[in-house]
């Protein structure tokens, strides 16, 4: 579980162990947070501007083609309770 921007989200984050390129203009917290390659996926129960929940995924640094890669849901499970 992560706590970001005043809200909890459920996430899985993995680090490769390889150093990432330094982010130009990043503050000390951001520079440390993204000092190594990272990929994260999660669910955010947001109540701000989005006014609803969302699934998200990101990688830093972003691999070539990631922003245009299709995201396909192969199976969906819902529970009545």
PDB file of N, CA and C in Angstrom:
ATOM      1  N   UNK A   1       0.850  -1.163   0.000  1.00  0.00           N
ATOM      2  CA  UNK A   1       0.000   0.000   0.000  1.00  0.00           C
ATOM      3  C   UNK A   1       0.896   1.226   0.000  1.00  0.00           C
ATOM      4  N   UNK A   2       0.522   2.178  -0.798  1.00  0.00           N
ATOM      5  CA  UNK A   2       1.258   3.444  -0.874  1.00  0.00           C
ATOM      6  C   UNK A   2       0.355   4.558  -0.350  1.00  0.00           C
ATOM      7  N   UNK A   3       0.947   5.611   0.102  1.00  0.00           N
ATOM      8  CA  UNK A   3       0.202   6.810   0.493  1.00  0.00           C
ATOM      9  C   UNK A   3       0.770   7.971  -0.298  1.00  0.00           C
ATOM     10  N   UNK A   4      -0.005   8.420  -1.282  1.00  0.00           N
ATOM     11  CA  UNK A   4       0.416   9.517  -2.146  1.00  0.00           C
ATOM     12  C   UNK A   4      -0.650  10.598  -2.167  1.00  0.00           C
ATOM     13  N   UNK A   5      -0.250  11.812  -2.169  1.00  0.00           N
ATOM     14  CA  UNK A   5      -1.136  12.942  -2.407  1.00  0.00           C
ATOM     15  C   UNK A   5      -2.393  12.890  -1.538  1.00  0.00           C
ATOM     16  N   UNK A   6      -2.252  12.428  -0.296  1.00  0.00           N
ATOM     17  CA  UNK A   6      -3.367  12.429   0.630  1.00  0.00           C
ATOM     18  C   UNK A   6      -4.364  11.309   0.428  1.00  0.00           C
ATOM     19  N   UNK A   7      -3.999  10.266  -0.303  1.00  0.00           N
ATOM     20  CA  UNK A   7      -4.919   9.162  -0.554  1.00  0.00           C
ATOM     21  C   UNK A   7      -4.130   7.853  -0.592  1.00  0.00           C
ATOM     22  N   UNK A   8      -4.762   6.776  -0.161  1.00  0.00           N
ATOM     23  CA  UNK A   8      -4.128   5.460  -0.226  1.00  0.00           C
ATOM     24  C   UNK A   8      -4.363   4.832  -1.589  1.00  0.00           C
ATOM     25  N   UNK A   9      -3.413   4.056  -2.045  1.00  0.00           N
ATOM     26  CA  UNK A   9      -3.642   3.245  -3.237  1.00  0.00           C
ATOM     27  C   UNK A   9      -2.974   1.896  -3.036  1.00  0.00           C
ATOM     28  N   UNK A  10      -3.546   0.890  -3.644  1.00  0.00           N
ATOM     29  CA  UNK A  10      -2.997  -0.455  -3.606  1.00  0.00           C
ATOM     30  C   UNK A  10      -2.128  -0.616  -4.840  1.00  0.00           C
ATOM     31  N   UNK A  11      -0.878  -0.975  -4.643  1.00  0.00           N
ATOM     32  CA  UNK A  11       0.042  -1.010  -5.765  1.00  0.00           C
ATOM     33  C   UNK A  11       1.093  -2.101  -5.596  1.00  0.00           C
ATOM     34  N   UNK A  12       1.621  -2.503  -6.729  1.00  0.00           N
ATOM     35  CA  UNK A  12       2.792  -3.370  -6.771  1.00  0.00           C
ATOM     36  C   UNK A  12       3.855  -2.583  -7.514  1.00  0.00           C
ATOM     37  N   UNK A  13       4.980  -2.370  -6.876  1.00  0.00           N
ATOM     38  CA  UNK A  13       6.069  -1.616  -7.472  1.00  0.00           C
ATOM     39  C   UNK A  13       7.325  -2.475  -7.450  1.00  0.00           C
ATOM     40  N   UNK A  14       8.003  -2.489  -8.573  1.00  0.00           N
ATOM     41  CA  UNK A  14       9.229  -3.285  -8.689  1.00  0.00           C
ATOM     42  C   UNK A  14      10.364  -2.404  -9.200  1.00  0.00           C
ATOM     43  N   UNK A  15      11.542  -2.628  -8.648  1.00  0.00           N
ATOM     44  CA  UNK A  15      12.738  -1.920  -9.063  1.00  0.00           C
ATOM     45  C   UNK A  15      13.690  -2.930  -9.694  1.00  0.00           C
ATOM     46  N   UNK A  16      14.317  -2.549 -10.807  1.00  0.00           N
ATOM     47  CA  UNK A  16      15.219  -3.469 -11.508  1.00  0.00           C
ATOM     48  C   UNK A  16      16.571  -3.588 -10.817  1.00  0.00           C
ATOM     49  N   UNK A  17      16.928  -2.592 -10.030  1.00  0.00           N
ATOM     50  CA  UNK A  17      18.253  -2.557  -9.430  1.00  0.00           C
ATOM     51  C   UNK A  17      19.243  -1.757 -10.259  1.00  0.00           C
ATOM     52  N   UNK A  18      18.844  -1.420 -11.496  1.00  0.00           N
ATOM     53  CA  UNK A  18      19.725  -0.617 -12.363  1.00  0.00           C
ATOM     54  C   UNK A  18      19.450   0.870 -12.128  1.00  0.00           C
ATOM     55  N   UNK A  19      20.501   1.647 -12.111  1.00  0.00           N
ATOM     56  CA  UNK A  19      20.361   3.103 -11.966  1.00  0.00           C
ATOM     57  C   UNK A  19      19.609   3.669 -13.158  1.00  0.00           C
ATOM     58  N   UNK A  20      18.765   4.642 -12.894  1.00  0.00           N
ATOM     59  CA  UNK A  20      18.030   5.338 -13.942  1.00  0.00           C
ATOM     60  C   UNK A  20      18.743   6.651 -14.252  1.00  0.00           C
ATOM     61  N   UNK A  21      18.541   7.175 -15.460  1.00  0.00           N
ATOM     62  CA  UNK A  21      19.128   8.488 -15.760  1.00  0.00           C
ATOM     63  C   UNK A  21      18.586   9.547 -14.797  1.00  0.00           C
ATOM     64  N   UNK A  22      19.424  10.477 -14.418  1.00  0.00           N
ATOM     65  CA  UNK A  22      18.983  11.537 -13.516  1.00  0.00           C
ATOM     66  C   UNK A  22      17.930  12.401 -14.187  1.00  0.00           C
ATOM     67  N   UNK A  23      16.917  12.789 -13.428  1.00  0.00           N
ATOM     68  CA  UNK A  23      15.833  13.634 -13.944  1.00  0.00           C
ATOM     69  C   UNK A  23      16.236  15.097 -13.833  1.00  0.00           C
ATOM     70  N   UNK A  24      16.345  15.756 -14.944  1.00  0.00           N
ATOM     71  CA  UNK A  24      16.729  17.163 -14.946  1.00  0.00           C
ATOM     72  C   UNK A  24      15.676  17.994 -14.218  1.00  0.00           C
ATOM     73  N   UNK A  25      16.114  18.838 -13.311  1.00  0.00           N
ATOM     74  CA  UNK A  25      15.214  19.743 -12.613  1.00  0.00           C
ATOM     75  C   UNK A  25      14.413  19.105 -11.491  1.00  0.00           C
ATOM     76  N   UNK A  26      14.646  17.833 -11.185  1.00  0.00           N
ATOM     77  CA  UNK A  26      13.883  17.149 -10.137  1.00  0.00           C
ATOM     78  C   UNK A  26      14.322  17.612  -8.755  1.00  0.00           C
ATOM     79  N   UNK A  27      13.351  17.692  -7.835  1.00  0.00           N
ATOM     80  CA  UNK A  27      13.701  18.027  -6.457  1.00  0.00           C
ATOM     81  C   UNK A  27      14.339  16.803  -5.795  1.00  0.00           C
ATOM     82  N   UNK A  28      14.841  16.956  -4.592  1.00  0.00           N
ATOM     83  CA  UNK A  28      15.603  15.894  -3.933  1.00  0.00           C
ATOM     84  C   UNK A  28      14.758  14.633  -3.696  1.00  0.00           C
ATOM     85  N   UNK A  29      13.477  14.785  -3.390  1.00  0.00           N
ATOM     86  CA  UNK A  29      12.603  13.629  -3.141  1.00  0.00           C
ATOM     87  C   UNK A  29      12.358  12.867  -4.436  1.00  0.00           C
ATOM     88  N   UNK A  30      12.007  13.576  -5.494  1.00  0.00           N
ATOM     89  CA  UNK A  30      11.763  12.937  -6.790  1.00  0.00           C
ATOM     90  C   UNK A  30      13.025  12.291  -7.324  1.00  0.00           C
ATOM     91  N   UNK A  31      14.152  12.976  -7.157  1.00  0.00           N
ATOM     92  CA  UNK A  31      15.433  12.439  -7.627  1.00  0.00           C
ATOM     93  C   UNK A  31      15.738  11.097  -6.961  1.00  0.00           C
ATOM     94  N   UNK A  32      15.494  10.995  -5.660  1.00  0.00           N
ATOM     95  CA  UNK A  32      15.725   9.734  -4.947  1.00  0.00           C
ATOM     96  C   UNK A  32      14.685   8.679  -5.329  1.00  0.00           C
ATOM     97  N   UNK A  33      13.421   9.074  -5.426  1.00  0.00           N
ATOM     98  CA  UNK A  33      12.346   8.128  -5.739  1.00  0.00           C
ATOM     99  C   UNK A  33      12.540   7.462  -7.092  1.00  0.00           C
ATOM    100  N   UNK A  34      13.104   8.188  -8.040  1.00  0.00           N
ATOM    101  CA  UNK A  34      13.296   7.650  -9.388  1.00  0.00           C
ATOM    102  C   UNK A  34      14.775   7.481  -9.736  1.00  0.00           C
ATOM    103  N   UNK A  35      15.584   7.175  -8.727  1.00  0.00           N
ATOM    104  CA  UNK A  35      17.019   6.995  -8.956  1.00  0.00           C
ATOM    105  C   UNK A  35      17.334   5.650  -9.606  1.00  0.00           C
ATOM    106  N   UNK A  36      16.366   4.718  -9.549  1.00  0.00           N
ATOM    107  CA  UNK A  36      16.534   3.397 -10.163  1.00  0.00           C
ATOM    108  C   UNK A  36      15.333   3.098 -11.054  1.00  0.00           C
ATOM    109  N   UNK A  37      15.531   2.235 -12.036  1.00  0.00           N
ATOM    110  CA  UNK A  37      14.425   1.863 -12.924  1.00  0.00           C
ATOM    111  C   UNK A  37      13.282   1.287 -12.088  1.00  0.00           C
ATOM    112  N   UNK A  38      12.056   1.683 -12.419  1.00  0.00           N
ATOM    113  CA  UNK A  38      10.894   1.274 -11.639  1.00  0.00           C
ATOM    114  C   UNK A  38       9.703   1.040 -12.558  1.00  0.00           C
ATOM    115  N   UNK A  39       8.858   0.097 -12.172  1.00  0.00           N
ATOM    116  CA  UNK A  39       7.567  -0.093 -12.835  1.00  0.00           C
ATOM    117  C   UNK A  39       6.545  -0.316 -11.731  1.00  0.00           C
ATOM    118  N   UNK A  40       5.374   0.284 -11.886  1.00  0.00           N
ATOM    119  CA  UNK A  40       4.357   0.202 -10.849  1.00  0.00           C
ATOM    120  C   UNK A  40       2.980   0.088 -11.484  1.00  0.00           C
ATOM    121  N   UNK A  41       2.133  -0.721 -10.881  1.00  0.00           N
ATOM    122  CA  UNK A  41       0.725  -0.825 -11.289  1.00  0.00           C
ATOM    123  C   UNK A  41      -0.107  -0.783 -10.021  1.00  0.00           C
ATOM    124  N   UNK A  42      -1.290  -0.226 -10.112  1.00  0.00           N
ATOM    125  CA  UNK A  42      -2.100  -0.146  -8.907  1.00  0.00           C
ATOM    126  C   UNK A  42      -3.513   0.328  -9.139  1.00  0.00           C
ATOM    127  N   UNK A  43      -4.204   0.470  -8.029  1.00  0.00           N
ATOM    128  CA  UNK A  43      -5.589   0.931  -7.991  1.00  0.00           C
ATOM    129  C   UNK A  43      -5.640   2.101  -7.033  1.00  0.00           C
ATOM    130  N   UNK A  44      -6.229   3.176  -7.478  1.00  0.00           N
ATOM    131  CA  UNK A  44      -6.295   4.402  -6.698  1.00  0.00           C
ATOM    132  C   UNK A  44      -7.756   4.790  -6.506  1.00  0.00           C
ATOM    133  N   UNK A  45      -8.203   4.873  -5.267  1.00  0.00           N
ATOM    134  CA  UNK A  45      -9.579   5.284  -4.966  1.00  0.00           C
ATOM    135  C   UNK A  45      -9.616   6.805  -4.821  1.00  0.00           C
ATOM    136  N   UNK A  46      -9.399   7.478  -5.908  1.00  0.00           N
ATOM    137  CA  UNK A  46      -9.227   8.923  -5.942  1.00  0.00           C
ATOM    138  C   UNK A  46     -10.549   9.658  -5.729  1.00  0.00           C
ATOM    139  N   UNK A  47     -10.493  10.761  -5.063  1.00  0.00           N
ATOM    140  CA  UNK A  47     -11.691  11.573  -4.870  1.00  0.00           C
ATOM    141  C   UNK A  47     -11.456  13.027  -5.278  1.00  0.00           C
ATOM    142  N   UNK A  48     -10.346  13.298  -5.890  1.00  0.00           N
ATOM    143  CA  UNK A  48     -10.021  14.665  -6.291  1.00  0.00           C
ATOM    144  C   UNK A  48     -10.679  15.030  -7.601  1.00  0.00           C
ATOM    145  N   UNK A  49      -9.906  15.548  -8.519  1.00  0.00           N
ATOM    146  CA  UNK A  49     -10.424  15.987  -9.814  1.00  0.00           C
ATOM    147  C   UNK A  49     -11.066  14.851 -10.605  1.00  0.00           C
ATOM    148  N   UNK A  50     -10.557  13.625 -10.423  1.00  0.00           N
ATOM    149  CA  UNK A  50     -11.096  12.489 -11.165  1.00  0.00           C
ATOM    150  C   UNK A  50     -12.468  12.081 -10.643  1.00  0.00           C
ATOM    151  N   UNK A  51     -12.711  12.319  -9.350  1.00  0.00           N
ATOM    152  CA  UNK A  51     -13.977  11.973  -8.707  1.00  0.00           C
ATOM    153  C   UNK A  51     -14.358  10.521  -8.946  1.00  0.00           C
ATOM    154  N   UNK A  52     -13.422   9.636  -8.797  1.00  0.00           N
ATOM    155  CA  UNK A  52     -13.682   8.216  -8.968  1.00  0.00           C
ATOM    156  C   UNK A  52     -12.391   7.428  -8.873  1.00  0.00           C
ATOM    157  N   UNK A  53     -12.524   6.134  -8.969  1.00  0.00           N
ATOM    158  CA  UNK A  53     -11.369   5.251  -8.852  1.00  0.00           C
ATOM    159  C   UNK A  53     -10.714   5.028 -10.210  1.00  0.00           C
ATOM    160  N   UNK A  54      -9.452   4.576 -10.178  1.00  0.00           N
ATOM    161  CA  UNK A  54      -8.736   4.330 -11.430  1.00  0.00           C
ATOM    162  C   UNK A  54      -7.657   3.275 -11.218  1.00  0.00           C
ATOM    163  N   UNK A  55      -7.392   2.526 -12.263  1.00  0.00           N
ATOM    164  CA  UNK A  55      -6.229   1.657 -12.321  1.00  0.00           C
ATOM    165  C   UNK A  55      -5.134   2.442 -13.031  1.00  0.00           C
ATOM    166  N   UNK A  56      -3.886   2.228 -12.653  1.00  0.00           N
ATOM    167  CA  UNK A  56      -2.801   2.954 -13.306  1.00  0.00           C
ATOM    168  C   UNK A  56      -1.574   2.060 -13.451  1.00  0.00           C
ATOM    169  N   UNK A  57      -0.708   2.466 -14.334  1.00  0.00           N
ATOM    170  CA  UNK A  57       0.582   1.801 -14.517  1.00  0.00           C
ATOM    171  C   UNK A  57       1.562   2.823 -15.067  1.00  0.00           C
ATOM    172  N   UNK A  58       2.815   2.725 -14.632  1.00  0.00           N
ATOM    173  CA  UNK A  58       3.853   3.586 -15.188  1.00  0.00           C
ATOM    174  C   UNK A  58       5.205   2.917 -15.037  1.00  0.00           C
ATOM    175  N   UNK A  59       6.117   3.365 -15.810  1.00  0.00           N
ATOM    176  CA  UNK A  59       7.503   2.913 -15.721  1.00  0.00           C
ATOM    177  C   UNK A  59       8.399   4.134 -15.856  1.00  0.00           C
ATOM    178  N   UNK A  60       9.502   4.123 -15.127  1.00  0.00           N
ATOM    179  CA  UNK A  60      10.451   5.220 -15.214  1.00  0.00           C
ATOM    180  C   UNK A  60      11.862   4.646 -15.168  1.00  0.00           C
ATOM    181  N   UNK A  61      12.672   4.956 -16.165  1.00  0.00           N
ATOM    182  CA  UNK A  61      12.305   5.726 -17.350  1.00  0.00           C
ATOM    183  C   UNK A  61      11.333   4.940 -18.225  1.00  0.00           C
ATOM    184  N   UNK A  62      10.540   5.662 -18.975  1.00  0.00           N
ATOM    185  CA  UNK A  62       9.524   5.038 -19.817  1.00  0.00           C
ATOM    186  C   UNK A  62      10.158   4.352 -21.024  1.00  0.00           C
ATOM    187  N   UNK A  63       9.928   3.038 -21.171  1.00  0.00           N
ATOM    188  CA  UNK A  63      10.470   2.334 -22.337  1.00  0.00           C
ATOM    189  C   UNK A  63       9.857   2.859 -23.638  1.00  0.00           C
ATOM    190  N   UNK A  64      10.609   2.823 -24.705  1.00  0.00           N
ATOM    191  CA  UNK A  64      10.109   3.272 -26.015  1.00  0.00           C
ATOM    192  C   UNK A  64       8.843   2.500 -26.365  1.00  0.00           C
ATOM    193  N   UNK A  65       7.810   3.206 -26.789  1.00  0.00           N
ATOM    194  CA  UNK A  65       6.569   2.591 -27.234  1.00  0.00           C
ATOM    195  C   UNK A  65       5.558   2.318 -26.140  1.00  0.00           C
ATOM    196  N   UNK A  66       5.914   2.500 -24.878  1.00  0.00           N
ATOM    197  CA  UNK A  66       4.987   2.192 -23.792  1.00  0.00           C
ATOM    198  C   UNK A  66       3.721   3.038 -23.851  1.00  0.00           C
ATOM    199  N   UNK A  67       3.854   4.307 -24.161  1.00  0.00           N
ATOM    200  CA  UNK A  67       2.696   5.205 -24.168  1.00  0.00           C
ATOM    201  C   UNK A  67       1.661   4.845 -25.230  1.00  0.00           C
ATOM    202  N   UNK A  68       2.074   4.136 -26.269  1.00  0.00           N
ATOM    203  CA  UNK A  68       1.125   3.782 -27.327  1.00  0.00           C
ATOM    204  C   UNK A  68       0.808   2.289 -27.357  1.00  0.00           C
ATOM    205  N   UNK A  69       1.358   1.533 -26.415  1.00  0.00           N
ATOM    206  CA  UNK A  69       1.096   0.092 -26.368  1.00  0.00           C
ATOM    207  C   UNK A  69      -0.341  -0.153 -25.924  1.00  0.00           C
ATOM    208  N   UNK A  70      -1.040  -1.085 -26.579  1.00  0.00           N
ATOM    209  CA  UNK A  70      -2.423  -1.361 -26.174  1.00  0.00           C
ATOM    210  C   UNK A  70      -2.478  -2.046 -24.816  1.00  0.00           C
ATOM    211  N   UNK A  71      -3.475  -1.718 -24.064  1.00  0.00           N
ATOM    212  CA  UNK A  71      -3.721  -2.345 -22.768  1.00  0.00           C
ATOM    213  C   UNK A  71      -4.976  -3.192 -22.937  1.00  0.00           C
ATOM    214  N   UNK A  72      -4.828  -4.495 -22.900  1.00  0.00           N
ATOM    215  CA  UNK A  72      -5.933  -5.397 -23.194  1.00  0.00           C
ATOM    216  C   UNK A  72      -6.299  -6.184 -21.943  1.00  0.00           C
ATOM    217  N   UNK A  73      -7.560  -6.125 -21.567  1.00  0.00           N
ATOM    218  CA  UNK A  73      -8.067  -6.890 -20.446  1.00  0.00           C
ATOM    219  C   UNK A  73      -8.551  -8.233 -20.966  1.00  0.00           C
ATOM    220  N   UNK A  74      -7.886  -9.310 -20.578  1.00  0.00           N
ATOM    221  CA  UNK A  74      -8.236 -10.640 -21.084  1.00  0.00           C
ATOM    222  C   UNK A  74      -9.343 -11.294 -20.280  1.00  0.00           C
ATOM    223  N   UNK A  75      -9.462 -10.944 -19.008  1.00  0.00           N
ATOM    224  CA  UNK A  75     -10.477 -11.560 -18.176  1.00  0.00           C
ATOM    225  C   UNK A  75     -10.860 -10.581 -17.058  1.00  0.00           C
ATOM    226  N   UNK A  76     -12.124 -10.554 -16.723  1.00  0.00           N
ATOM    227  CA  UNK A  76     -12.611  -9.680 -15.680  1.00  0.00           C
ATOM    228  C   UNK A  76     -13.410 -10.505 -14.702  1.00  0.00           C
ATOM    229  N   UNK A  77     -13.167 -10.300 -13.419  1.00  0.00           N
ATOM    230  CA  UNK A  77     -13.910 -10.988 -12.381  1.00  0.00           C
ATOM    231  C   UNK A  77     -14.552  -9.944 -11.503  1.00  0.00           C
ATOM    232  N   UNK A  78     -15.817 -10.096 -11.247  1.00  0.00           N
ATOM    233  CA  UNK A  78     -16.508  -9.219 -10.307  1.00  0.00           C
ATOM    234  C   UNK A  78     -17.207 -10.077  -9.281  1.00  0.00           C
ATOM    235  N   UNK A  79     -17.351  -9.558  -8.092  1.00  0.00           N
ATOM    236  CA  UNK A  79     -18.021 -10.281  -7.006  1.00  0.00           C
ATOM    237  C   UNK A  79     -19.300  -9.553  -6.636  1.00  0.00           C
ATOM    238  N   UNK A  80     -20.291 -10.297  -6.240  1.00  0.00           N
ATOM    239  CA  UNK A  80     -21.566  -9.676  -5.865  1.00  0.00           C
ATOM    240  C   UNK A  80     -21.509  -9.085  -4.468  1.00  0.00           C
ATOM    241  N   UNK A  81     -20.523  -9.427  -3.682  1.00  0.00           N
ATOM    242  CA  UNK A  81     -20.372  -8.873  -2.335  1.00  0.00           C
ATOM    243  C   UNK A  81     -19.089  -8.122  -2.190  1.00  0.00           C
TER     244      UNK A  81
END
